[in-house]
Amino acid sequence: MSQTPNDPAGTTHQFQNFANQQQPQKSGPNTGMIVGVVAVVAVVAIVVVAVMMM
């Protein structure tokens, strides 16, 4: 018993269907962006406090 392999690159038509499939999009906030914004705000706050103490 031979099985046909499930290879999306087997034919041009199969490959085009595979390439055109949309990847599922994550919904919700981007955690990396939030962490970056919080870090920038913290650095700016530290600099402002340091300048005010001079």
PDB file of N, CA and C in Angstrom:
ATOM      1  N   MET A   1       0.833  -1.192   0.000  1.00  0.00           N
ATOM      2  CA  MET A   1       0.000   0.000   0.000  1.00  0.00           C
ATOM      3  C   MET A   1       0.878   1.256   0.000  1.00  0.00           C
ATOM      4  N   SER A   2       0.817   1.991  -1.073  1.00  0.00           N
ATOM      5  CA  SER A   2       1.580   3.228  -1.107  1.00  0.00           C
ATOM      6  C   SER A   2       0.652   4.398  -0.796  1.00  0.00           C
ATOM      7  N   GLN A   3       1.176   5.322  -0.063  1.00  0.00           N
ATOM      8  CA  GLN A   3       0.413   6.514   0.283  1.00  0.00           C
ATOM      9  C   GLN A   3       0.980   7.697  -0.477  1.00  0.00           C
ATOM     10  N   THR A   4       0.103   8.562  -0.909  1.00  0.00           N
ATOM     11  CA  THR A   4       0.547   9.781  -1.574  1.00  0.00           C
ATOM     12  C   THR A   4       1.011  10.758  -0.501  1.00  0.00           C
ATOM     13  N   PRO A   5       2.264  11.222  -0.590  1.00  0.00           N
ATOM     14  CA  PRO A   5       2.742  12.164   0.433  1.00  0.00           C
ATOM     15  C   PRO A   5       1.994  13.491   0.355  1.00  0.00           C
ATOM     16  N   ASN A   6       1.798  14.109   1.515  1.00  0.00           N
ATOM     17  CA  ASN A   6       1.125  15.409   1.580  1.00  0.00           C
ATOM     18  C   ASN A   6       2.192  16.493   1.455  1.00  0.00           C
ATOM     19  N   ASP A   7       2.672  16.682   0.239  1.00  0.00           N
ATOM     20  CA  ASP A   7       3.740  17.641  -0.028  1.00  0.00           C
ATOM     21  C   ASP A   7       3.160  18.828  -0.779  1.00  0.00           C
ATOM     22  N   PRO A   8       3.080  20.019  -0.145  1.00  0.00           N
ATOM     23  CA  PRO A   8       2.481  21.169  -0.831  1.00  0.00           C
ATOM     24  C   PRO A   8       3.270  21.611  -2.052  1.00  0.00           C
ATOM     25  N   ALA A   9       4.536  21.204  -2.173  1.00  0.00           N
ATOM     26  CA  ALA A   9       5.325  21.579  -3.338  1.00  0.00           C
ATOM     27  C   ALA A   9       5.241  20.509  -4.426  1.00  0.00           C
ATOM     28  N   GLY A  10       4.332  19.546  -4.293  1.00  0.00           N
ATOM     29  CA  GLY A  10       4.232  18.449  -5.253  1.00  0.00           C
ATOM     30  C   GLY A  10       3.876  18.917  -6.647  1.00  0.00           C
ATOM     31  N   THR A  11       2.956  19.843  -6.765  1.00  0.00           N
ATOM     32  CA  THR A  11       2.588  20.407  -8.063  1.00  0.00           C
ATOM     33  C   THR A  11       2.501  21.915  -7.917  1.00  0.00           C
ATOM     34  N   THR A  12       2.521  22.571  -9.043  1.00  0.00           N
ATOM     35  CA  THR A  12       2.444  24.031  -9.018  1.00  0.00           C
ATOM     36  C   THR A  12       1.125  24.491  -8.398  1.00  0.00           C
ATOM     37  N   HIS A  13       0.035  23.804  -8.754  1.00  0.00           N
ATOM     38  CA  HIS A  13      -1.276  24.182  -8.218  1.00  0.00           C
ATOM     39  C   HIS A  13      -1.320  24.005  -6.704  1.00  0.00           C
ATOM     40  N   GLN A  14      -0.807  22.883  -6.218  1.00  0.00           N
ATOM     41  CA  GLN A  14      -0.792  22.654  -4.770  1.00  0.00           C
ATOM     42  C   GLN A  14       0.084  23.686  -4.079  1.00  0.00           C
ATOM     43  N   PHE A  15       1.220  24.019  -4.679  1.00  0.00           N
ATOM     44  CA  PHE A  15       2.118  24.997  -4.063  1.00  0.00           C
ATOM     45  C   PHE A  15       1.484  26.381  -4.027  1.00  0.00           C
ATOM     46  N   GLN A  16       0.798  26.758  -5.115  1.00  0.00           N
ATOM     47  CA  GLN A  16       0.145  28.066  -5.128  1.00  0.00           C
ATOM     48  C   GLN A  16      -0.931  28.147  -4.059  1.00  0.00           C
ATOM     49  N   ASN A  17      -1.688  27.077  -3.876  1.00  0.00           N
ATOM     50  CA  ASN A  17      -2.688  27.066  -2.813  1.00  0.00           C
ATOM     51  C   ASN A  17      -2.033  27.173  -1.444  1.00  0.00           C
ATOM     52  N   PHE A  18      -0.933  26.465  -1.246  1.00  0.00           N
ATOM     53  CA  PHE A  18      -0.209  26.515   0.026  1.00  0.00           C
ATOM     54  C   PHE A  18       0.347  27.914   0.284  1.00  0.00           C
ATOM     55  N   ALA A  19       0.927  28.537  -0.746  1.00  0.00           N
ATOM     56  CA  ALA A  19       1.540  29.862  -0.590  1.00  0.00           C
ATOM     57  C   ALA A  19       0.495  30.945  -0.359  1.00  0.00           C
ATOM     58  N   ASN A  20      -0.715  30.739  -0.893  1.00  0.00           N
ATOM     59  CA  ASN A  20      -1.753  31.756  -0.763  1.00  0.00           C
ATOM     60  C   ASN A  20      -2.557  31.635   0.524  1.00  0.00           C
ATOM     61  N   GLN A  21      -2.313  30.600   1.307  1.00  0.00           N
ATOM     62  CA  GLN A  21      -3.037  30.462   2.567  1.00  0.00           C
ATOM     63  C   GLN A  21      -2.596  31.559   3.519  1.00  0.00           C
ATOM     64  N   GLN A  22      -3.574  32.171   4.196  1.00  0.00           N
ATOM     65  CA  GLN A  22      -3.245  33.221   5.142  1.00  0.00           C
ATOM     66  C   GLN A  22      -2.908  32.597   6.485  1.00  0.00           C
ATOM     67  N   GLN A  23      -1.877  33.112   7.105  1.00  0.00           N
ATOM     68  CA  GLN A  23      -1.507  32.670   8.436  1.00  0.00           C
ATOM     69  C   GLN A  23      -2.477  33.289   9.434  1.00  0.00           C
ATOM     70  N   PRO A  24      -2.863  32.546  10.457  1.00  0.00           N
ATOM     71  CA  PRO A  24      -3.781  33.128  11.450  1.00  0.00           C
ATOM     72  C   PRO A  24      -3.126  34.304  12.173  1.00  0.00           C
ATOM     73  N   GLN A  25      -3.880  35.381  12.280  1.00  0.00           N
ATOM     74  CA  GLN A  25      -3.377  36.582  12.932  1.00  0.00           C
ATOM     75  C   GLN A  25      -3.736  36.554  14.412  1.00  0.00           C
ATOM     76  N   LYS A  26      -2.779  36.924  15.227  1.00  0.00           N
ATOM     77  CA  LYS A  26      -3.045  37.032  16.662  1.00  0.00           C
ATOM     78  C   LYS A  26      -3.777  38.339  16.924  1.00  0.00           C
ATOM     79  N   SER A  27      -4.800  38.264  17.731  1.00  0.00           N
ATOM     80  CA  SER A  27      -5.483  39.484  18.107  1.00  0.00           C
ATOM     81  C   SER A  27      -5.030  39.857  19.509  1.00  0.00           C
ATOM     82  N   GLY A  28      -4.943  41.127  19.752  1.00  0.00           N
ATOM     83  CA  GLY A  28      -4.509  41.590  21.059  1.00  0.00           C
ATOM     84  C   GLY A  28      -3.288  42.471  20.940  1.00  0.00           C
ATOM     85  N   PRO A  29      -2.874  43.015  22.051  1.00  0.00           N
ATOM     86  CA  PRO A  29      -1.746  43.955  22.022  1.00  0.00           C
ATOM     87  C   PRO A  29      -0.418  43.247  21.771  1.00  0.00           C
ATOM     88  N   ASN A  30       0.487  43.981  21.186  1.00  0.00           N
ATOM     89  CA  ASN A  30       1.834  43.478  20.947  1.00  0.00           C
ATOM     90  C   ASN A  30       2.642  43.672  22.231  1.00  0.00           C
ATOM     91  N   THR A  31       2.983  42.585  22.889  1.00  0.00           N
ATOM     92  CA  THR A  31       3.649  42.654  24.192  1.00  0.00           C
ATOM     93  C   THR A  31       5.014  43.339  24.094  1.00  0.00           C
ATOM     94  N   GLY A  32       5.753  43.063  23.032  1.00  0.00           N
ATOM     95  CA  GLY A  32       7.069  43.693  22.863  1.00  0.00           C
ATOM     96  C   GLY A  32       6.978  45.192  22.772  1.00  0.00           C
ATOM     97  N   MET A  33       5.972  45.668  22.067  1.00  0.00           N
ATOM     98  CA  MET A  33       5.787  47.118  21.921  1.00  0.00           C
ATOM     99  C   MET A  33       5.439  47.750  23.257  1.00  0.00           C
ATOM    100  N   ILE A  34       4.582  47.116  24.031  1.00  0.00           N
ATOM    101  CA  ILE A  34       4.190  47.648  25.339  1.00  0.00           C
ATOM    102  C   ILE A  34       5.398  47.723  26.269  1.00  0.00           C
ATOM    103  N   VAL A  35       6.208  46.660  26.300  1.00  0.00           N
ATOM    104  CA  VAL A  35       7.398  46.649  27.154  1.00  0.00           C
ATOM    105  C   VAL A  35       8.364  47.749  26.727  1.00  0.00           C
ATOM    106  N   GLY A  36       8.525  47.949  25.431  1.00  0.00           N
ATOM    107  CA  GLY A  36       9.418  49.000  24.933  1.00  0.00           C
ATOM    108  C   GLY A  36       8.949  50.390  25.316  1.00  0.00           C
ATOM    109  N   VAL A  37       7.655  50.638  25.196  1.00  0.00           N
ATOM    110  CA  VAL A  37       7.109  51.958  25.554  1.00  0.00           C
ATOM    111  C   VAL A  37       7.270  52.210  27.048  1.00  0.00           C
ATOM    112  N   VAL A  38       7.003  51.192  27.876  1.00  0.00           N
ATOM    113  CA  VAL A  38       7.161  51.349  29.326  1.00  0.00           C
ATOM    114  C   VAL A  38       8.620  51.634  29.674  1.00  0.00           C
ATOM    115  N   ALA A  39       9.556  50.954  29.005  1.00  0.00           N
ATOM    116  CA  ALA A  39      10.980  51.184  29.273  1.00  0.00           C
ATOM    117  C   ALA A  39      11.384  52.607  28.896  1.00  0.00           C
ATOM    118  N   VAL A  40      10.913  53.093  27.763  1.00  0.00           N
ATOM    119  CA  VAL A  40      11.250  54.461  27.335  1.00  0.00           C
ATOM    120  C   VAL A  40      10.670  55.479  28.308  1.00  0.00           C
ATOM    121  N   VAL A  41       9.447  55.287  28.736  1.00  0.00           N
ATOM    122  CA  VAL A  41       8.829  56.213  29.697  1.00  0.00           C
ATOM    123  C   VAL A  41       9.609  56.208  31.011  1.00  0.00           C
ATOM    124  N   ALA A  42      10.049  55.031  31.458  1.00  0.00           N
ATOM    125  CA  ALA A  42      10.821  54.955  32.706  1.00  0.00           C
ATOM    126  C   ALA A  42      12.151  55.692  32.580  1.00  0.00           C
ATOM    127  N   VAL A  43      12.829  55.537  31.459  1.00  0.00           N
ATOM    128  CA  VAL A  43      14.119  56.221  31.263  1.00  0.00           C
ATOM    129  C   VAL A  43      13.912  57.729  31.215  1.00  0.00           C
ATOM    130  N   VAL A  44      12.882  58.175  30.510  1.00  0.00           N
ATOM    131  CA  VAL A  44      12.613  59.615  30.439  1.00  0.00           C
ATOM    132  C   VAL A  44      12.291  60.161  31.824  1.00  0.00           C
ATOM    133  N   ALA A  45      11.524  59.437  32.624  1.00  0.00           N
ATOM    134  CA  ALA A  45      11.193  59.884  33.978  1.00  0.00           C
ATOM    135  C   ALA A  45      12.430  59.978  34.850  1.00  0.00           C
ATOM    136  N   ILE A  46      13.332  59.021  34.727  1.00  0.00           N
ATOM    137  CA  ILE A  46      14.578  59.049  35.503  1.00  0.00           C
ATOM    138  C   ILE A  46      15.422  60.253  35.110  1.00  0.00           C
ATOM    139  N   VAL A  47      15.516  60.531  33.804  1.00  0.00           N
ATOM    140  CA  VAL A  47      16.299  61.677  33.341  1.00  0.00           C
ATOM    141  C   VAL A  47      15.687  62.976  33.834  1.00  0.00           C
ATOM    142  N   VAL A  48      14.366  63.104  33.796  1.00  0.00           N
ATOM    143  CA  VAL A  48      13.697  64.325  34.257  1.00  0.00           C
ATOM    144  C   VAL A  48      13.952  64.531  35.751  1.00  0.00           C
ATOM    145  N   VAL A  49      13.838  63.482  36.552  1.00  0.00           N
ATOM    146  CA  VAL A  49      14.092  63.597  37.991  1.00  0.00           C
ATOM    147  C   VAL A  49      15.546  63.961  38.245  1.00  0.00           C
ATOM    148  N   ALA A  50      16.477  63.378  37.502  1.00  0.00           N
ATOM    149  CA  ALA A  50      17.908  63.679  37.687  1.00  0.00           C
ATOM    150  C   ALA A  50      18.201  65.142  37.339  1.00  0.00           C
ATOM    151  N   VAL A  51      17.581  65.656  36.289  1.00  0.00           N
ATOM    152  CA  VAL A  51      17.826  67.052  35.896  1.00  0.00           C
ATOM    153  C   VAL A  51      17.216  68.001  36.916  1.00  0.00           C
ATOM    154  N   MET A  52      16.078  67.659  37.477  1.00  0.00           N
ATOM    155  CA  MET A  52      15.431  68.531  38.450  1.00  0.00           C
ATOM    156  C   MET A  52      16.202  68.587  39.775  1.00  0.00           C
ATOM    157  N   MET A  53      16.965  67.560  40.092  1.00  0.00           N
ATOM    158  CA  MET A  53      17.716  67.529  41.353  1.00  0.00           C
ATOM    159  C   MET A  53      19.022  68.308  41.272  1.00  0.00           C
ATOM    160  N   MET A  54      19.427  68.720  40.070  1.00  0.00           N
ATOM    161  CA  MET A  54      20.699  69.432  39.929  1.00  0.00           C
ATOM    162  C   MET A  54      20.612  70.829  40.460  1.00  0.00           C
TER     163      MET A  54
END
